[in-house]
Amino acid sequence: MKTHKSPLMFSLVVLMAAVGCATTPEQIPEPAQAAKVNDYPTHDRVEYVLNCVAQHGGLTFITQYACGCKIDKIAEKLSFAEYEAAKTFSMLKSTPGEAG
């Protein structure tokens, strides 16, 4: 019996491995893990994913999964307040100041 492997499935596996979502989560000591809080509102997570998907060629399962994974990785490293500050800076960095 001959099986045909889908190129889409292969691409999905490669993408998951490249993005880092297919790896096991790093082990965090118990006290640090308890201090970690999921403080990202759902609205902001969805907004990030939709903007990311739009920037990467439109809605497909692969882009949706990859973008969802990216915001999870960001949330592991930044608090929501830090994320908001970085997002604001990135949106306004090209805005000229008073001096032009």
PDB file of N, CA and C in Angstrom:
ATOM      1  N   MET A   1       0.849  -1.174   0.000  1.00  0.00           N
ATOM      2  CA  MET A   1       0.000   0.000   0.000  1.00  0.00           C
ATOM      3  C   MET A   1       0.893   1.236   0.000  1.00  0.00           C
ATOM      4  N   LYS A   2       0.652   2.128  -0.908  1.00  0.00           N
ATOM      5  CA  LYS A   2       1.458   3.328  -1.062  1.00  0.00           C
ATOM      6  C   LYS A   2       0.724   4.514  -0.452  1.00  0.00           C
ATOM      7  N   THR A   3       1.422   5.290   0.387  1.00  0.00           N
ATOM      8  CA  THR A   3       0.794   6.470   0.983  1.00  0.00           C
ATOM      9  C   THR A   3       1.374   7.720   0.350  1.00  0.00           C
ATOM     10  N   HIS A   4       0.542   8.719   0.180  1.00  0.00           N
ATOM     11  CA  HIS A   4       0.962  10.000  -0.382  1.00  0.00           C
ATOM     12  C   HIS A   4       0.990  11.021   0.734  1.00  0.00           C
ATOM     13  N   LYS A   5       2.135  11.623   0.934  1.00  0.00           N
ATOM     14  CA  LYS A   5       2.246  12.645   1.968  1.00  0.00           C
ATOM     15  C   LYS A   5       1.927  13.994   1.357  1.00  0.00           C
ATOM     16  N   SER A   6       1.141  14.741   2.049  1.00  0.00           N
ATOM     17  CA  SER A   6       0.712  16.043   1.571  1.00  0.00           C
ATOM     18  C   SER A   6       1.823  17.068   1.743  1.00  0.00           C
ATOM     19  N   PRO A   7       2.119  17.872   0.699  1.00  0.00           N
ATOM     20  CA  PRO A   7       3.108  18.938   0.852  1.00  0.00           C
ATOM     21  C   PRO A   7       2.658  19.958   1.891  1.00  0.00           C
ATOM     22  N   LEU A   8       1.352  20.143   2.035  1.00  0.00           N
ATOM     23  CA  LEU A   8       0.831  21.080   3.024  1.00  0.00           C
ATOM     24  C   LEU A   8       1.149  20.596   4.429  1.00  0.00           C
ATOM     25  N   MET A   9       0.998  19.314   4.680  1.00  0.00           N
ATOM     26  CA  MET A   9       1.297  18.761   5.998  1.00  0.00           C
ATOM     27  C   MET A   9       2.784  18.908   6.298  1.00  0.00           C
ATOM     28  N   PHE A  10       3.626  18.635   5.311  1.00  0.00           N
ATOM     29  CA  PHE A  10       5.069  18.793   5.504  1.00  0.00           C
ATOM     30  C   PHE A  10       5.402  20.244   5.815  1.00  0.00           C
ATOM     31  N   SER A  11       4.802  21.185   5.091  1.00  0.00           N
ATOM     32  CA  SER A  11       5.041  22.610   5.341  1.00  0.00           C
ATOM     33  C   SER A  11       4.601  23.001   6.740  1.00  0.00           C
ATOM     34  N   LEU A  12       3.482  22.467   7.178  1.00  0.00           N
ATOM     35  CA  LEU A  12       2.972  22.768   8.513  1.00  0.00           C
ATOM     36  C   LEU A  12       3.932  22.272   9.586  1.00  0.00           C
ATOM     37  N   VAL A  13       4.447  21.072   9.422  1.00  0.00           N
ATOM     38  CA  VAL A  13       5.383  20.516  10.402  1.00  0.00           C
ATOM     39  C   VAL A  13       6.667  21.330  10.436  1.00  0.00           C
ATOM     40  N   VAL A  14       7.180  21.698   9.268  1.00  0.00           N
ATOM     41  CA  VAL A  14       8.396  22.513   9.204  1.00  0.00           C
ATOM     42  C   VAL A  14       8.156  23.867   9.844  1.00  0.00           C
ATOM     43  N   LEU A  15       7.020  24.478   9.573  1.00  0.00           N
ATOM     44  CA  LEU A  15       6.703  25.784  10.143  1.00  0.00           C
ATOM     45  C   LEU A  15       6.595  25.709  11.657  1.00  0.00           C
ATOM     46  N   MET A  16       5.927  24.698  12.175  1.00  0.00           N
ATOM     47  CA  MET A  16       5.790  24.572  13.630  1.00  0.00           C
ATOM     48  C   MET A  16       7.153  24.397  14.285  1.00  0.00           C
ATOM     49  N   ALA A  17       8.020  23.630  13.657  1.00  0.00           N
ATOM     50  CA  ALA A  17       9.351  23.429  14.224  1.00  0.00           C
ATOM     51  C   ALA A  17      10.157  24.716  14.167  1.00  0.00           C
ATOM     52  N   ALA A  18      10.022  25.469  13.071  1.00  0.00           N
ATOM     53  CA  ALA A  18      10.768  26.717  12.927  1.00  0.00           C
ATOM     54  C   ALA A  18      10.282  27.781  13.895  1.00  0.00           C
ATOM     55  N   VAL A  19       9.006  27.860  14.113  1.00  0.00           N
ATOM     56  CA  VAL A  19       8.448  28.882  14.994  1.00  0.00           C
ATOM     57  C   VAL A  19       8.720  28.549  16.449  1.00  0.00           C
ATOM     58  N   GLY A  20       8.854  27.315  16.758  1.00  0.00           N
ATOM     59  CA  GLY A  20       9.160  26.933  18.126  1.00  0.00           C
ATOM     60  C   GLY A  20       7.961  26.435  18.906  1.00  0.00           C
ATOM     61  N   CYS A  21       6.829  26.329  18.291  1.00  0.00           N
ATOM     62  CA  CYS A  21       5.638  25.879  19.005  1.00  0.00           C
ATOM     63  C   CYS A  21       5.627  24.371  19.165  1.00  0.00           C
ATOM     64  N   ALA A  22       6.369  23.676  18.346  1.00  0.00           N
ATOM     65  CA  ALA A  22       6.375  22.227  18.421  1.00  0.00           C
ATOM     66  C   ALA A  22       7.314  21.720  19.510  1.00  0.00           C
ATOM     67  N   THR A  23       8.110  22.611  20.077  1.00  0.00           N
ATOM     68  CA  THR A  23       9.039  22.192  21.117  1.00  0.00           C
ATOM     69  C   THR A  23       8.328  22.115  22.457  1.00  0.00           C
ATOM     70  N   THR A  24       8.940  21.423  23.363  1.00  0.00           N
ATOM     71  CA  THR A  24       8.370  21.356  24.706  1.00  0.00           C
ATOM     72  C   THR A  24       8.679  22.645  25.439  1.00  0.00           C
ATOM     73  N   PRO A  25       7.786  23.104  26.285  1.00  0.00           N
ATOM     74  CA  PRO A  25       8.029  24.349  27.005  1.00  0.00           C
ATOM     75  C   PRO A  25       9.197  24.194  27.963  1.00  0.00           C
ATOM     76  N   GLU A  26       9.931  25.291  28.138  1.00  0.00           N
ATOM     77  CA  GLU A  26      11.058  25.241  29.060  1.00  0.00           C
ATOM     78  C   GLU A  26      10.554  25.078  30.486  1.00  0.00           C
ATOM     79  N   GLN A  27      11.335  24.420  31.290  1.00  0.00           N
ATOM     80  CA  GLN A  27      10.959  24.179  32.675  1.00  0.00           C
ATOM     81  C   GLN A  27      11.232  25.429  33.499  1.00  0.00           C
ATOM     82  N   ILE A  28      10.211  25.937  34.159  1.00  0.00           N
ATOM     83  CA  ILE A  28      10.316  27.136  34.980  1.00  0.00           C
ATOM     84  C   ILE A  28      10.208  26.705  36.430  1.00  0.00           C
ATOM     85  N   PRO A  29      11.085  27.222  37.285  1.00  0.00           N
ATOM     86  CA  PRO A  29      10.960  26.879  38.704  1.00  0.00           C
ATOM     87  C   PRO A  29       9.577  27.246  39.232  1.00  0.00           C
ATOM     88  N   GLU A  30       9.089  26.496  40.177  1.00  0.00           N
ATOM     89  CA  GLU A  30       7.724  26.635  40.694  1.00  0.00           C
ATOM     90  C   GLU A  30       7.367  28.046  41.153  1.00  0.00           C
ATOM     91  N   PRO A  31       8.187  28.771  41.952  1.00  0.00           N
ATOM     92  CA  PRO A  31       7.793  30.120  42.386  1.00  0.00           C
ATOM     93  C   PRO A  31       7.635  31.098  41.220  1.00  0.00           C
ATOM     94  N   ALA A  32       8.532  31.016  40.235  1.00  0.00           N
ATOM     95  CA  ALA A  32       8.433  31.919  39.086  1.00  0.00           C
ATOM     96  C   ALA A  32       7.198  31.597  38.258  1.00  0.00           C
ATOM     97  N   GLN A  33       6.859  30.341  38.171  1.00  0.00           N
ATOM     98  CA  GLN A  33       5.696  29.931  37.399  1.00  0.00           C
ATOM     99  C   GLN A  33       4.416  30.445  38.048  1.00  0.00           C
ATOM    100  N   ALA A  34       4.361  30.460  39.355  1.00  0.00           N
ATOM    101  CA  ALA A  34       3.177  30.935  40.058  1.00  0.00           C
ATOM    102  C   ALA A  34       2.994  32.438  39.881  1.00  0.00           C
ATOM    103  N   ALA A  35       4.104  33.166  39.738  1.00  0.00           N
ATOM    104  CA  ALA A  35       4.028  34.615  39.590  1.00  0.00           C
ATOM    105  C   ALA A  35       3.570  35.022  38.193  1.00  0.00           C
ATOM    106  N   LYS A  36       3.722  34.128  37.219  1.00  0.00           N
ATOM    107  CA  LYS A  36       3.356  34.438  35.845  1.00  0.00           C
ATOM    108  C   LYS A  36       1.835  34.516  35.711  1.00  0.00           C
ATOM    109  N   VAL A  37       1.355  35.598  35.106  1.00  0.00           N
ATOM    110  CA  VAL A  37      -0.078  35.803  34.980  1.00  0.00           C
ATOM    111  C   VAL A  37      -0.402  36.045  33.510  1.00  0.00           C
ATOM    112  N   ASN A  38      -1.493  35.471  33.049  1.00  0.00           N
ATOM    113  CA  ASN A  38      -1.944  35.718  31.687  1.00  0.00           C
ATOM    114  C   ASN A  38      -2.749  37.009  31.697  1.00  0.00           C
ATOM    115  N   ASP A  39      -2.060  38.125  31.500  1.00  0.00           N
ATOM    116  CA  ASP A  39      -2.733  39.417  31.589  1.00  0.00           C
ATOM    117  C   ASP A  39      -3.018  40.033  30.222  1.00  0.00           C
ATOM    118  N   TYR A  40      -2.875  39.267  29.146  1.00  0.00           N
ATOM    119  CA  TYR A  40      -3.182  39.773  27.815  1.00  0.00           C
ATOM    120  C   TYR A  40      -4.678  39.586  27.554  1.00  0.00           C
ATOM    121  N   PRO A  41      -5.416  40.667  27.336  1.00  0.00           N
ATOM    122  CA  PRO A  41      -6.843  40.522  27.021  1.00  0.00           C
ATOM    123  C   PRO A  41      -7.044  39.775  25.695  1.00  0.00           C
ATOM    124  N   THR A  42      -8.105  39.029  25.611  1.00  0.00           N
ATOM    125  CA  THR A  42      -8.401  38.267  24.403  1.00  0.00           C
ATOM    126  C   THR A  42      -8.484  39.177  23.185  1.00  0.00           C
ATOM    127  N   HIS A  43      -9.093  40.339  23.332  1.00  0.00           N
ATOM    128  CA  HIS A  43      -9.228  41.285  22.226  1.00  0.00           C
ATOM    129  C   HIS A  43      -7.860  41.638  21.639  1.00  0.00           C
ATOM    130  N   ASP A  44      -6.891  41.888  22.487  1.00  0.00           N
ATOM    131  CA  ASP A  44      -5.561  42.261  22.008  1.00  0.00           C
ATOM    132  C   ASP A  44      -4.841  41.085  21.353  1.00  0.00           C
ATOM    133  N   ARG A  45      -5.050  39.890  21.873  1.00  0.00           N
ATOM    134  CA  ARG A  45      -4.463  38.704  21.239  1.00  0.00           C
ATOM    135  C   ARG A  45      -5.056  38.501  19.842  1.00  0.00           C
ATOM    136  N   VAL A  46      -6.369  38.615  19.735  1.00  0.00           N
ATOM    137  CA  VAL A  46      -7.036  38.435  18.439  1.00  0.00           C
ATOM    138  C   VAL A  46      -6.604  39.528  17.469  1.00  0.00           C
ATOM    139  N   GLU A  47      -6.520  40.758  17.941  1.00  0.00           N
ATOM    140  CA  GLU A  47      -6.080  41.869  17.092  1.00  0.00           C
ATOM    141  C   GLU A  47      -4.672  41.613  16.556  1.00  0.00           C
ATOM    142  N   TYR A  48      -3.772  41.129  17.402  1.00  0.00           N
ATOM    143  CA  TYR A  48      -2.411  40.812  16.966  1.00  0.00           C
ATOM    144  C   TYR A  48      -2.434  39.733  15.885  1.00  0.00           C
ATOM    145  N   VAL A  49      -3.187  38.667  16.135  1.00  0.00           N
ATOM    146  CA  VAL A  49      -3.234  37.557  15.178  1.00  0.00           C
ATOM    147  C   VAL A  49      -3.804  38.020  13.841  1.00  0.00           C
ATOM    148  N   LEU A  50      -4.878  38.796  13.855  1.00  0.00           N
ATOM    149  CA  LEU A  50      -5.474  39.266  12.598  1.00  0.00           C
ATOM    150  C   LEU A  50      -4.525  40.176  11.829  1.00  0.00           C
ATOM    151  N   ASN A  51      -3.827  41.076  12.523  1.00  0.00           N
ATOM    152  CA  ASN A  51      -2.853  41.947  11.855  1.00  0.00           C
ATOM    153  C   ASN A  51      -1.690  41.139  11.296  1.00  0.00           C
ATOM    154  N   CYS A  52      -1.223  40.173  12.062  1.00  0.00           N
ATOM    155  CA  CYS A  52      -0.125  39.316  11.617  1.00  0.00           C
ATOM    156  C   CYS A  52      -0.529  38.507  10.379  1.00  0.00           C
ATOM    157  N   VAL A  53      -1.713  37.932  10.410  1.00  0.00           N
ATOM    158  CA  VAL A  53      -2.215  37.152   9.275  1.00  0.00           C
ATOM    159  C   VAL A  53      -2.310  38.038   8.034  1.00  0.00           C
ATOM    160  N   ALA A  54      -2.808  39.261   8.192  1.00  0.00           N
ATOM    161  CA  ALA A  54      -2.935  40.179   7.056  1.00  0.00           C
ATOM    162  C   ALA A  54      -1.566  40.524   6.471  1.00  0.00           C
ATOM    163  N   GLN A  55      -0.560  40.647   7.317  1.00  0.00           N
ATOM    164  CA  GLN A  55       0.789  40.985   6.856  1.00  0.00           C
ATOM    165  C   GLN A  55       1.496  39.801   6.207  1.00  0.00           C
ATOM    166  N   HIS A  56       1.022  38.600   6.442  1.00  0.00           N
ATOM    167  CA  HIS A  56       1.699  37.409   5.933  1.00  0.00           C
ATOM    168  C   HIS A  56       0.878  36.646   4.904  1.00  0.00           C
ATOM    169  N   GLY A  57       0.107  37.340   4.114  1.00  0.00           N
ATOM    170  CA  GLY A  57      -0.531  36.715   2.967  1.00  0.00           C
ATOM    171  C   GLY A  57      -1.960  36.255   3.126  1.00  0.00           C
ATOM    172  N   GLY A  58      -2.611  36.589   4.191  1.00  0.00           N
ATOM    173  CA  GLY A  58      -4.014  36.233   4.329  1.00  0.00           C
ATOM    174  C   GLY A  58      -4.244  35.019   5.202  1.00  0.00           C
ATOM    175  N   LEU A  59      -5.516  34.753   5.440  1.00  0.00           N
ATOM    176  CA  LEU A  59      -5.920  33.723   6.388  1.00  0.00           C
ATOM    177  C   LEU A  59      -5.775  32.326   5.802  1.00  0.00           C
ATOM    178  N   THR A  60      -4.863  31.582   6.356  1.00  0.00           N
ATOM    179  CA  THR A  60      -4.732  30.149   6.110  1.00  0.00           C
ATOM    180  C   THR A  60      -4.512  29.514   7.475  1.00  0.00           C
ATOM    181  N   PHE A  61      -4.649  28.226   7.548  1.00  0.00           N
ATOM    182  CA  PHE A  61      -4.414  27.544   8.822  1.00  0.00           C
ATOM    183  C   PHE A  61      -2.985  27.781   9.294  1.00  0.00           C
ATOM    184  N   ILE A  62      -2.041  27.748   8.362  1.00  0.00           N
ATOM    185  CA  ILE A  62      -0.630  27.899   8.720  1.00  0.00           C
ATOM    186  C   ILE A  62      -0.352  29.288   9.271  1.00  0.00           C
ATOM    187  N   THR A  63      -0.824  30.346   8.600  1.00  0.00           N
ATOM    188  CA  THR A  63      -0.559  31.699   9.103  1.00  0.00           C
ATOM    189  C   THR A  63      -1.296  31.950  10.409  1.00  0.00           C
ATOM    190  N   GLN A  64      -2.499  31.449  10.527  1.00  0.00           N
ATOM    191  CA  GLN A  64      -3.255  31.642  11.766  1.00  0.00           C
ATOM    192  C   GLN A  64      -2.544  30.960  12.934  1.00  0.00           C
ATOM    193  N   TYR A  65      -2.087  29.756  12.733  1.00  0.00           N
ATOM    194  CA  TYR A  65      -1.395  29.013  13.787  1.00  0.00           C
ATOM    195  C   TYR A  65      -0.072  29.695  14.142  1.00  0.00           C
ATOM    196  N   ALA A  66       0.694  30.079  13.120  1.00  0.00           N
ATOM    197  CA  ALA A  66       1.991  30.712  13.361  1.00  0.00           C
ATOM    198  C   ALA A  66       1.825  32.033  14.100  1.00  0.00           C
ATOM    199  N   CYS A  67       0.853  32.838  13.700  1.00  0.00           N
ATOM    200  CA  CYS A  67       0.638  34.134  14.351  1.00  0.00           C
ATOM    201  C   CYS A  67       0.115  33.958  15.772  1.00  0.00           C
ATOM    202  N   GLY A  68      -0.727  32.981  15.992  1.00  0.00           N
ATOM    203  CA  GLY A  68      -1.191  32.694  17.345  1.00  0.00           C
ATOM    204  C   GLY A  68      -0.044  32.246  18.233  1.00  0.00           C
ATOM    205  N   CYS A  69       0.855  31.488  17.657  1.00  0.00           N
ATOM    206  CA  CYS A  69       2.025  31.028  18.394  1.00  0.00           C
ATOM    207  C   CYS A  69       2.944  32.202  18.737  1.00  0.00           C
ATOM    208  N   LYS A  70       3.078  33.138  17.811  1.00  0.00           N
ATOM    209  CA  LYS A  70       3.948  34.301  18.052  1.00  0.00           C
ATOM    210  C   LYS A  70       3.466  35.125  19.234  1.00  0.00           C
ATOM    211  N   ILE A  71       2.175  35.386  19.316  1.00  0.00           N
ATOM    212  CA  ILE A  71       1.678  36.197  20.432  1.00  0.00           C
ATOM    213  C   ILE A  71       1.837  35.431  21.742  1.00  0.00           C
ATOM    214  N   ASP A  72       1.744  34.111  21.710  1.00  0.00           N
ATOM    215  CA  ASP A  72       1.991  33.329  22.927  1.00  0.00           C
ATOM    216  C   ASP A  72       3.441  33.466  23.377  1.00  0.00           C
ATOM    217  N   LYS A  73       4.371  33.446  22.431  1.00  0.00           N
ATOM    218  CA  LYS A  73       5.794  33.604  22.755  1.00  0.00           C
ATOM    219  C   LYS A  73       6.069  35.010  23.282  1.00  0.00           C
ATOM    220  N   ILE A  74       5.425  36.016  22.702  1.00  0.00           N
ATOM    221  CA  ILE A  74       5.585  37.389  23.186  1.00  0.00           C
ATOM    222  C   ILE A  74       5.064  37.490  24.612  1.00  0.00           C
ATOM    223  N   ALA A  75       3.915  36.883  24.867  1.00  0.00           N
ATOM    224  CA  ALA A  75       3.307  36.935  26.202  1.00  0.00           C
ATOM    225  C   ALA A  75       4.175  36.247  27.255  1.00  0.00           C
ATOM    226  N   GLU A  76       4.976  35.270  26.838  1.00  0.00           N
ATOM    227  CA  GLU A  76       5.888  34.614  27.774  1.00  0.00           C
ATOM    228  C   GLU A  76       7.012  35.549  28.207  1.00  0.00           C
ATOM    229  N   LYS A  77       7.388  36.481  27.323  1.00  0.00           N
ATOM    230  CA  LYS A  77       8.556  37.320  27.580  1.00  0.00           C
ATOM    231  C   LYS A  77       8.217  38.718  28.085  1.00  0.00           C
ATOM    232  N   LEU A  78       7.044  39.249  27.729  1.00  0.00           N
ATOM    233  CA  LEU A  78       6.678  40.620  28.097  1.00  0.00           C
ATOM    234  C   LEU A  78       5.365  40.643  28.866  1.00  0.00           C
ATOM    235  N   SER A  79       5.282  41.533  29.832  1.00  0.00           N
ATOM    236  CA  SER A  79       3.988  41.764  30.476  1.00  0.00           C
ATOM    237  C   SER A  79       3.115  42.519  29.479  1.00  0.00           C
ATOM    238  N   PHE A  80       1.823  42.596  29.753  1.00  0.00           N
ATOM    239  CA  PHE A  80       0.946  43.301  28.824  1.00  0.00           C
ATOM    240  C   PHE A  80       1.303  44.784  28.745  1.00  0.00           C
ATOM    241  N   ALA A  81       1.691  45.388  29.864  1.00  0.00           N
ATOM    242  CA  ALA A  81       2.081  46.805  29.863  1.00  0.00           C
ATOM    243  C   ALA A  81       3.309  47.023  28.978  1.00  0.00           C
ATOM    244  N   GLU A  82       4.288  46.117  29.037  1.00  0.00           N
ATOM    245  CA  GLU A  82       5.480  46.226  28.185  1.00  0.00           C
ATOM    246  C   GLU A  82       5.108  46.026  26.718  1.00  0.00           C
ATOM    247  N   TYR A  83       4.208  45.084  26.454  1.00  0.00           N
ATOM    248  CA  TYR A  83       3.746  44.837  25.088  1.00  0.00           C
ATOM    249  C   TYR A  83       3.053  46.072  24.523  1.00  0.00           C
ATOM    250  N   GLU A  84       2.176  46.691  25.323  1.00  0.00           N
ATOM    251  CA  GLU A  84       1.480  47.901  24.869  1.00  0.00           C
ATOM    252  C   GLU A  84       2.462  49.019  24.561  1.00  0.00           C
ATOM    253  N   ALA A  85       3.469  49.204  25.408  1.00  0.00           N
ATOM    254  CA  ALA A  85       4.476  50.243  25.180  1.00  0.00           C
ATOM    255  C   ALA A  85       5.243  49.972  23.887  1.00  0.00           C
ATOM    256  N   ALA A  86       5.631  48.726  23.659  1.00  0.00           N
ATOM    257  CA  ALA A  86       6.355  48.365  22.441  1.00  0.00           C
ATOM    258  C   ALA A  86       5.472  48.544  21.208  1.00  0.00           C
ATOM    259  N   LYS A  87       4.205  48.167  21.315  1.00  0.00           N
ATOM    260  CA  LYS A  87       3.271  48.315  20.192  1.00  0.00           C
ATOM    261  C   LYS A  87       3.068  49.789  19.856  1.00  0.00           C
ATOM    262  N   THR A  88       2.901  50.617  20.892  1.00  0.00           N
ATOM    263  CA  THR A  88       2.727  52.055  20.683  1.00  0.00           C
ATOM    264  C   THR A  88       3.963  52.646  20.026  1.00  0.00           C
ATOM    265  N   PHE A  89       5.138  52.275  20.513  1.00  0.00           N
ATOM    266  CA  PHE A  89       6.379  52.784  19.930  1.00  0.00           C
ATOM    267  C   PHE A  89       6.489  52.390  18.468  1.00  0.00           C
ATOM    268  N   SER A  90       6.196  51.136  18.144  1.00  0.00           N
ATOM    269  CA  SER A  90       6.335  50.682  16.759  1.00  0.00           C
ATOM    270  C   SER A  90       5.354  51.386  15.824  1.00  0.00           C
ATOM    271  N   MET A  91       4.174  51.751  16.334  1.00  0.00           N
ATOM    272  CA  MET A  91       3.204  52.456  15.487  1.00  0.00           C
ATOM    273  C   MET A  91       3.580  53.927  15.301  1.00  0.00           C
ATOM    274  N   LEU A  92       4.212  54.516  16.311  1.00  0.00           N
ATOM    275  CA  LEU A  92       4.488  55.954  16.266  1.00  0.00           C
ATOM    276  C   LEU A  92       5.931  56.298  15.927  1.00  0.00           C
ATOM    277  N   LYS A  93       6.793  55.326  15.699  1.00  0.00           N
ATOM    278  CA  LYS A  93       8.206  55.606  15.481  1.00  0.00           C
ATOM    279  C   LYS A  93       8.470  56.421  14.221  1.00  0.00           C
ATOM    280  N   SER A  94       7.600  56.348  13.243  1.00  0.00           N
ATOM    281  CA  SER A  94       7.807  57.111  12.014  1.00  0.00           C
ATOM    282  C   SER A  94       7.109  58.469  12.037  1.00  0.00           C
ATOM    283  N   THR A  95       6.406  58.783  13.123  1.00  0.00           N
ATOM    284  CA  THR A  95       5.722  60.067  13.245  1.00  0.00           C
ATOM    285  C   THR A  95       6.748  61.143  13.585  1.00  0.00           C
ATOM    286  N   PRO A  96       6.807  62.217  12.789  1.00  0.00           N
ATOM    287  CA  PRO A  96       7.783  63.269  13.085  1.00  0.00           C
ATOM    288  C   PRO A  96       7.414  64.019  14.364  1.00  0.00           C
ATOM    289  N   GLY A  97       8.424  64.485  15.058  1.00  0.00           N
ATOM    290  CA  GLY A  97       8.209  65.249  16.284  1.00  0.00           C
ATOM    291  C   GLY A  97       8.025  66.725  15.989  1.00  0.00           C
ATOM    292  N   GLU A  98       8.166  67.545  17.022  1.00  0.00           N
ATOM    293  CA  GLU A  98       7.978  68.984  16.869  1.00  0.00           C
ATOM    294  C   GLU A  98       9.003  69.594  15.927  1.00  0.00           C
ATOM    295  N   ALA A  99      10.202  69.041  15.895  1.00  0.00           N
ATOM    296  CA  ALA A  99      11.264  69.592  15.049  1.00  0.00           C
ATOM    297  C   ALA A  99      11.133  69.130  13.596  1.00  0.00           C
ATOM    298  N   GLY A 100      10.178  68.287  13.318  1.00  0.00           N
ATOM    299  CA  GLY A 100       9.963  67.863  11.947  1.00  0.00           C
ATOM    300  C   GLY A 100      10.412  66.489  11.759  1.00  0.00           C
TER     301      GLY A 100
END
